[in-house]
Amino acid sequence: MSAEILNLRRARKEKARAEKERQAAENRVRFGRTKTERVIRTAESERSARDLDAHRREDGAATRTDSASNDDNATS
């Protein structure tokens, strides 16, 4: 009657891997987003960037803070 020889180090590592996989699966359920949610978020981000770029000034005119600092330098 011989028992199967068991490598304890390997058994510990396998147990740790199984525990990490269980935790990862739990986290995916708790914190994961569906594909639809990811697609919607990406579309919203792209739209926001496009809207911001559409309102960007192209003439290179000085901003209010730049012109105020230029006025201070002119009087000094």
N, C-alpha and C. Protein backbone atom coordinates (compact mmCIF):
# COMPACT_ATOMS: atom_id res chain seq x y z
N MET A 1 0.84 -1.18 0.00
CA MET A 1 0.00 0.00 0.00
C MET A 1 0.89 1.25 0.00
N SER A 2 1.14 1.74 -1.18
CA SER A 2 1.93 2.97 -1.26
C SER A 2 1.02 4.11 -1.69
N ALA A 3 1.23 5.22 -1.04
CA ALA A 3 0.44 6.41 -1.36
C ALA A 3 1.15 7.18 -2.47
N GLU A 4 0.39 7.98 -3.18
CA GLU A 4 0.98 8.80 -4.24
C GLU A 4 1.89 9.85 -3.61
N ILE A 5 3.07 10.01 -4.14
CA ILE A 5 4.00 11.00 -3.63
C ILE A 5 3.53 12.38 -4.07
N LEU A 6 3.48 13.28 -3.13
CA LEU A 6 2.95 14.61 -3.38
C LEU A 6 4.03 15.65 -3.12
N ASN A 7 4.30 16.47 -4.09
CA ASN A 7 5.27 17.55 -3.94
C ASN A 7 4.52 18.72 -3.29
N LEU A 8 4.87 19.04 -2.05
CA LEU A 8 4.14 20.06 -1.29
C LEU A 8 4.30 21.45 -1.88
N ARG A 9 5.48 21.74 -2.39
CA ARG A 9 5.70 23.05 -2.99
C ARG A 9 4.78 23.24 -4.19
N ARG A 10 4.71 22.22 -5.04
CA ARG A 10 3.85 22.29 -6.21
C ARG A 10 2.38 22.39 -5.80
N ALA A 11 2.00 21.66 -4.78
CA ALA A 11 0.61 21.70 -4.30
C ALA A 11 0.26 23.09 -3.78
N ARG A 12 1.19 23.72 -3.05
CA ARG A 12 0.94 25.08 -2.55
C ARG A 12 0.79 26.07 -3.69
N LYS A 13 1.64 25.96 -4.69
CA LYS A 13 1.57 26.87 -5.83
C LYS A 13 0.26 26.68 -6.59
N GLU A 14 -0.14 25.45 -6.80
CA GLU A 14 -1.41 25.19 -7.49
C GLU A 14 -2.59 25.73 -6.71
N LYS A 15 -2.54 25.58 -5.39
CA LYS A 15 -3.62 26.10 -4.54
C LYS A 15 -3.66 27.63 -4.63
N ALA A 16 -2.48 28.27 -4.61
CA ALA A 16 -2.42 29.73 -4.70
C ALA A 16 -2.95 30.20 -6.05
N ARG A 17 -2.58 29.51 -7.14
CA ARG A 17 -3.07 29.87 -8.47
C ARG A 17 -4.59 29.76 -8.55
N ALA A 18 -5.12 28.68 -7.99
CA ALA A 18 -6.56 28.47 -8.01
C ALA A 18 -7.27 29.58 -7.23
N GLU A 19 -6.69 29.99 -6.10
CA GLU A 19 -7.29 31.05 -5.28
C GLU A 19 -7.25 32.38 -6.04
N LYS A 20 -6.12 32.66 -6.70
CA LYS A 20 -6.02 33.91 -7.47
C LYS A 20 -7.02 33.92 -8.62
N GLU A 21 -7.19 32.80 -9.29
CA GLU A 21 -8.15 32.71 -10.39
C GLU A 21 -9.58 32.89 -9.88
N ARG A 22 -9.87 32.32 -8.72
CA ARG A 22 -11.20 32.49 -8.12
C ARG A 22 -11.45 33.97 -7.80
N GLN A 23 -10.43 34.63 -7.24
CA GLN A 23 -10.56 36.05 -6.90
C GLN A 23 -10.70 36.89 -8.16
N ALA A 24 -9.95 36.56 -9.20
CA ALA A 24 -10.04 37.29 -10.46
C ALA A 24 -11.43 37.14 -11.08
N ALA A 25 -11.97 35.94 -11.04
CA ALA A 25 -13.31 35.71 -11.58
C ALA A 25 -14.35 36.53 -10.81
N GLU A 26 -14.20 36.57 -9.50
CA GLU A 26 -15.11 37.36 -8.68
C GLU A 26 -15.00 38.84 -9.01
N ASN A 27 -13.78 39.32 -9.19
CA ASN A 27 -13.57 40.74 -9.53
C ASN A 27 -14.12 41.07 -10.90
N ARG A 28 -14.00 40.15 -11.85
CA ARG A 28 -14.56 40.40 -13.18
C ARG A 28 -16.07 40.59 -13.10
N VAL A 29 -16.70 39.81 -12.26
CA VAL A 29 -18.15 39.93 -12.11
C VAL A 29 -18.50 41.24 -11.41
N ARG A 30 -17.75 41.58 -10.37
CA ARG A 30 -18.07 42.77 -9.58
C ARG A 30 -17.73 44.07 -10.30
N PHE A 31 -16.59 44.12 -10.97
CA PHE A 31 -16.10 45.39 -11.50
C PHE A 31 -16.04 45.46 -13.01
N GLY A 32 -16.23 44.37 -13.67
CA GLY A 32 -16.11 44.35 -15.13
C GLY A 32 -17.23 45.10 -15.82
N ARG A 33 -16.96 45.52 -17.04
CA ARG A 33 -17.98 46.18 -17.85
C ARG A 33 -18.26 45.31 -19.06
N THR A 34 -19.48 45.35 -19.50
CA THR A 34 -19.85 44.58 -20.67
C THR A 34 -19.27 45.23 -21.92
N LYS A 35 -19.25 44.50 -23.00
CA LYS A 35 -18.72 45.04 -24.25
C LYS A 35 -19.52 46.26 -24.69
N THR A 36 -20.82 46.20 -24.51
CA THR A 36 -21.68 47.32 -24.89
C THR A 36 -21.32 48.56 -24.09
N GLU A 37 -21.08 48.40 -22.79
CA GLU A 37 -20.70 49.54 -21.97
C GLU A 37 -19.36 50.13 -22.42
N ARG A 38 -18.41 49.28 -22.77
CA ARG A 38 -17.11 49.77 -23.24
C ARG A 38 -17.26 50.52 -24.56
N VAL A 39 -18.07 50.00 -25.47
CA VAL A 39 -18.27 50.65 -26.77
C VAL A 39 -18.94 52.01 -26.58
N ILE A 40 -19.94 52.07 -25.72
CA ILE A 40 -20.64 53.33 -25.47
C ILE A 40 -19.68 54.35 -24.86
N ARG A 41 -18.87 53.94 -23.91
CA ARG A 41 -17.91 54.84 -23.26
C ARG A 41 -16.89 55.37 -24.28
N THR A 42 -16.41 54.51 -25.15
CA THR A 42 -15.47 54.93 -26.19
C THR A 42 -16.11 55.94 -27.12
N ALA A 43 -17.35 55.68 -27.53
CA ALA A 43 -18.05 56.59 -28.43
C ALA A 43 -18.27 57.95 -27.76
N GLU A 44 -18.61 57.94 -26.46
CA GLU A 44 -18.81 59.20 -25.74
C GLU A 44 -17.50 59.98 -25.66
N SER A 45 -16.40 59.30 -25.41
CA SER A 45 -15.10 59.97 -25.32
C SER A 45 -14.72 60.59 -26.66
N GLU A 46 -14.92 59.85 -27.74
CA GLU A 46 -14.60 60.36 -29.06
C GLU A 46 -15.46 61.56 -29.41
N ARG A 47 -16.73 61.50 -29.05
CA ARG A 47 -17.63 62.62 -29.33
C ARG A 47 -17.22 63.86 -28.54
N SER A 48 -16.86 63.67 -27.28
CA SER A 48 -16.43 64.80 -26.46
C SER A 48 -15.17 65.44 -27.04
N ALA A 49 -14.22 64.62 -27.46
CA ALA A 49 -12.99 65.15 -28.05
C ALA A 49 -13.29 65.89 -29.35
N ARG A 50 -14.18 65.35 -30.16
CA ARG A 50 -14.55 65.99 -31.42
C ARG A 50 -15.23 67.33 -31.16
N ASP A 51 -16.14 67.38 -30.17
CA ASP A 51 -16.83 68.63 -29.83
C ASP A 51 -15.85 69.68 -29.32
N LEU A 52 -14.90 69.24 -28.50
CA LEU A 52 -13.91 70.17 -27.96
C LEU A 52 -13.04 70.73 -29.09
N ASP A 53 -12.61 69.87 -29.99
CA ASP A 53 -11.80 70.33 -31.12
C ASP A 53 -12.58 71.27 -32.03
N ALA A 54 -13.88 71.06 -32.15
CA ALA A 54 -14.71 71.91 -33.00
C ALA A 54 -14.80 73.33 -32.43
N HIS A 55 -14.64 73.48 -31.13
CA HIS A 55 -14.74 74.79 -30.51
C HIS A 55 -13.37 75.46 -30.33
N ARG A 56 -12.32 74.81 -30.76
CA ARG A 56 -10.97 75.35 -30.61
C ARG A 56 -10.76 76.54 -31.55
N ARG A 57 -10.11 77.56 -31.04
CA ARG A 57 -9.82 78.73 -31.86
C ARG A 57 -8.65 78.43 -32.77
N GLU A 58 -8.75 78.88 -34.00
CA GLU A 58 -7.69 78.61 -34.97
C GLU A 58 -6.88 79.85 -35.30
N ASP A 59 -7.34 81.04 -34.93
CA ASP A 59 -6.65 82.26 -35.33
C ASP A 59 -5.42 82.54 -34.48
N GLY A 60 -5.22 81.84 -33.38
CA GLY A 60 -4.05 82.04 -32.55
C GLY A 60 -4.09 83.32 -31.75
N ALA A 61 -5.26 83.91 -31.58
CA ALA A 61 -5.40 85.14 -30.83
C ALA A 61 -5.03 84.89 -29.37
N ALA A 62 -4.50 85.93 -28.73
CA ALA A 62 -4.09 85.81 -27.33
C ALA A 62 -5.31 85.62 -26.45
N THR A 63 -5.14 84.87 -25.41
CA THR A 63 -6.23 84.68 -24.46
C THR A 63 -6.30 85.88 -23.54
N ARG A 64 -7.30 85.92 -22.73
CA ARG A 64 -7.50 87.06 -21.85
C ARG A 64 -6.33 87.20 -20.87
N THR A 65 -5.85 86.11 -20.32
CA THR A 65 -4.75 86.19 -19.37
C THR A 65 -3.47 86.64 -20.05
N ASP A 66 -3.26 86.24 -21.31
CA ASP A 66 -2.07 86.67 -22.04
C ASP A 66 -2.12 88.17 -22.32
N SER A 67 -3.26 88.67 -22.71
CA SER A 67 -3.36 90.09 -23.03
C SER A 67 -3.25 90.93 -21.76
N ALA A 68 -3.72 90.43 -20.63
CA ALA A 68 -3.62 91.16 -19.38
C ALA A 68 -2.17 91.26 -18.96
N SER A 69 -1.40 90.19 -19.10
CA SER A 69 0.00 90.25 -18.74
C SER A 69 0.78 91.13 -19.70
N ASN A 70 0.37 91.19 -20.96
CA ASN A 70 1.03 92.08 -21.92
C ASN A 70 0.77 93.54 -21.57
N ASP A 71 -0.43 93.86 -21.07
CA ASP A 71 -0.75 95.22 -20.68
C ASP A 71 0.12 95.64 -19.49
N ASP A 72 0.37 94.74 -18.57
CA ASP A 72 1.19 95.04 -17.41
C ASP A 72 2.61 95.34 -17.84
N ASN A 73 3.12 94.63 -18.81
CA ASN A 73 4.48 94.83 -19.27
C ASN A 73 4.61 96.14 -20.05
N ALA A 74 3.57 96.54 -20.72
CA ALA A 74 3.61 97.75 -21.53
C ALA A 74 3.67 98.99 -20.64
N THR A 75 3.03 98.99 -19.49
CA THR A 75 3.02 100.16 -18.62
C THR A 75 4.27 100.27 -17.78
N SER A 76 5.00 99.20 -17.62
CA SER A 76 6.21 99.23 -16.77
C SER A 76 7.37 99.88 -17.45
